[in-house]
C-alpha atoms as a PDB file:
ATOM      1  CA  MET A   1       9.646  46.476 -71.215  1.00  0.00           C
ATOM      2  CA  ASP A   2       9.776  42.688 -71.205  1.00  0.00           C
ATOM      3  CA  LEU A   3       6.431  41.072 -70.473  1.00  0.00           C
ATOM      4  CA  THR A   4       7.479  37.465 -71.079  1.00  0.00           C
ATOM      5  CA  SER A   5       7.397  36.427 -67.419  1.00  0.00           C
ATOM      6  CA  TYR A   6       4.070  38.200 -66.908  1.00  0.00           C
ATOM      7  CA  VAL A   7       2.493  36.383 -69.851  1.00  0.00           C
ATOM      8  CA  SER A   8       4.020  33.049 -68.797  1.00  0.00           C
ATOM      9  CA  ASN A   9       2.687  33.415 -65.256  1.00  0.00           C
ATOM     10  CA  HIS A  10      -0.827  34.025 -66.527  1.00  0.00           C
ATOM     11  CA  GLY A  11      -0.544  31.055 -68.869  1.00  0.00           C
ATOM     12  CA  ARG A  12       0.444  28.786 -65.986  1.00  0.00           C
ATOM     13  CA  GLU A  13      -2.406  30.104 -63.851  1.00  0.00           C
ATOM     14  CA  PHE A  14      -4.923  29.479 -66.651  1.00  0.00           C
ATOM     15  CA  ALA A  15      -3.561  25.961 -67.160  1.00  0.00           C
ATOM     16  CA  THR A  16      -3.694  25.187 -63.434  1.00  0.00           C
ATOM     17  CA  HIS A  17      -7.336  26.223 -63.232  1.00  0.00           C
ATOM     18  CA  ALA A  18      -8.231  24.272 -66.360  1.00  0.00           C
ATOM     19  CA  GLU A  19      -6.473  21.109 -65.152  1.00  0.00           C
ATOM     20  CA  ALA A  20      -8.389  21.265 -61.880  1.00  0.00           C
ATOM     21  CA  GLY A  21     -11.513  20.507 -63.908  1.00  0.00           C
ATOM     22  CA  GLY A  22      -9.979  17.267 -65.182  1.00  0.00           C
ATOM     23  CA  ASP A  23     -11.100  17.708 -68.786  1.00  0.00           C
ATOM     24  CA  ASP A  24      -8.631  18.172 -71.669  1.00  0.00           C
ATOM     25  CA  ALA A  25     -10.875  20.605 -73.552  1.00  0.00           C
ATOM     26  CA  PRO A  26     -10.305  23.522 -71.163  1.00  0.00           C
ATOM     27  CA  CYS A  27      -6.524  22.992 -71.391  1.00  0.00           C
ATOM     28  CA  THR A  28      -6.676  23.314 -75.157  1.00  0.00           C
ATOM     29  CA  LEU A  29      -8.790  26.444 -74.856  1.00  0.00           C
ATOM     30  CA  VAL A  30      -6.406  27.937 -72.315  1.00  0.00           C
ATOM     31  CA  GLU A  31      -3.406  27.269 -74.559  1.00  0.00           C
ATOM     32  CA  HIS A  32      -5.198  28.965 -77.437  1.00  0.00           C
ATOM     33  CA  LEU A  33      -6.240  31.975 -75.357  1.00  0.00           C
ATOM     34  CA  THR A  34      -2.793  32.327 -73.821  1.00  0.00           C
ATOM     35  CA  GLY A  35      -1.232  32.351 -77.283  1.00  0.00           C
ATOM     36  CA  SER A  36      -3.642  35.056 -78.386  1.00  0.00           C
ATOM     37  CA  LEU A  37      -2.989  37.053 -75.237  1.00  0.00           C
ATOM     38  CA  GLU A  38       0.757  36.810 -75.737  1.00  0.00           C
ATOM     39  CA  SER A  39       0.446  37.879 -79.363  1.00  0.00           C
ATOM     40  CA  GLY A  40      -1.644  40.909 -78.400  1.00  0.00           C
ATOM     41  CA  ILE A  41       0.739  41.946 -75.647  1.00  0.00           C
ATOM     42  CA  ARG A  42       3.768  41.601 -77.907  1.00  0.00           C
ATOM     43  CA  THR A  43       2.053  43.634 -80.639  1.00  0.00           C
ATOM     44  CA  THR A  44       1.248  46.350 -78.115  1.00  0.00           C
ATOM     45  CA  GLN A  45       4.851  46.296 -76.933  1.00  0.00           C
ATOM     46  CA  ARG A  46       6.138  46.743 -80.501  1.00  0.00           C
ATOM     47  CA  VAL A  47       3.744  49.627 -81.169  1.00  0.00           C
ATOM     48  CA  LYS A  48       4.899  51.322 -77.980  1.00  0.00           C
ATOM     49  CA  GLN A  49       8.568  50.928 -78.956  1.00  0.00           C
ATOM     50  CA  THR A  50       7.914  52.250 -82.459  1.00  0.00           C
ATOM     51  CA  THR A  51       5.995  55.223 -81.069  1.00  0.00           C
ATOM     52  CA  ARG A  52       8.919  56.100 -78.807  1.00  0.00           C
ATOM     53  CA  ARG A  53      11.368  55.955 -81.723  1.00  0.00           C
ATOM     54  CA  LEU A  54       9.168  58.107 -83.933  1.00  0.00           C
ATOM     55  CA  THR A  55       8.638  60.621 -81.148  1.00  0.00           C
ATOM     56  CA  ARG A  56      12.404  60.931 -80.673  1.00  0.00           C
ATOM     57  CA  ARG A  57      12.898  61.519 -84.403  1.00  0.00           C
ATOM     58  CA  VAL A  58      10.232  64.227 -84.541  1.00  0.00           C
ATOM     59  CA  ARG A  59      11.792  66.150 -81.669  1.00  0.00           C
END
């Protein structure tokens, strides 16, 4: 399951909304939050893959 495009789309949406405000501070915040979101999603993806592998081995 590749979530790269999903995460990228949300990042662009966050950035678009932040830029509409005209202040650089929200853009920085959005970049930080998007990075954290991506990290969390990728970690979840890895845990899911590992769980599948372990389940196959146990069977």
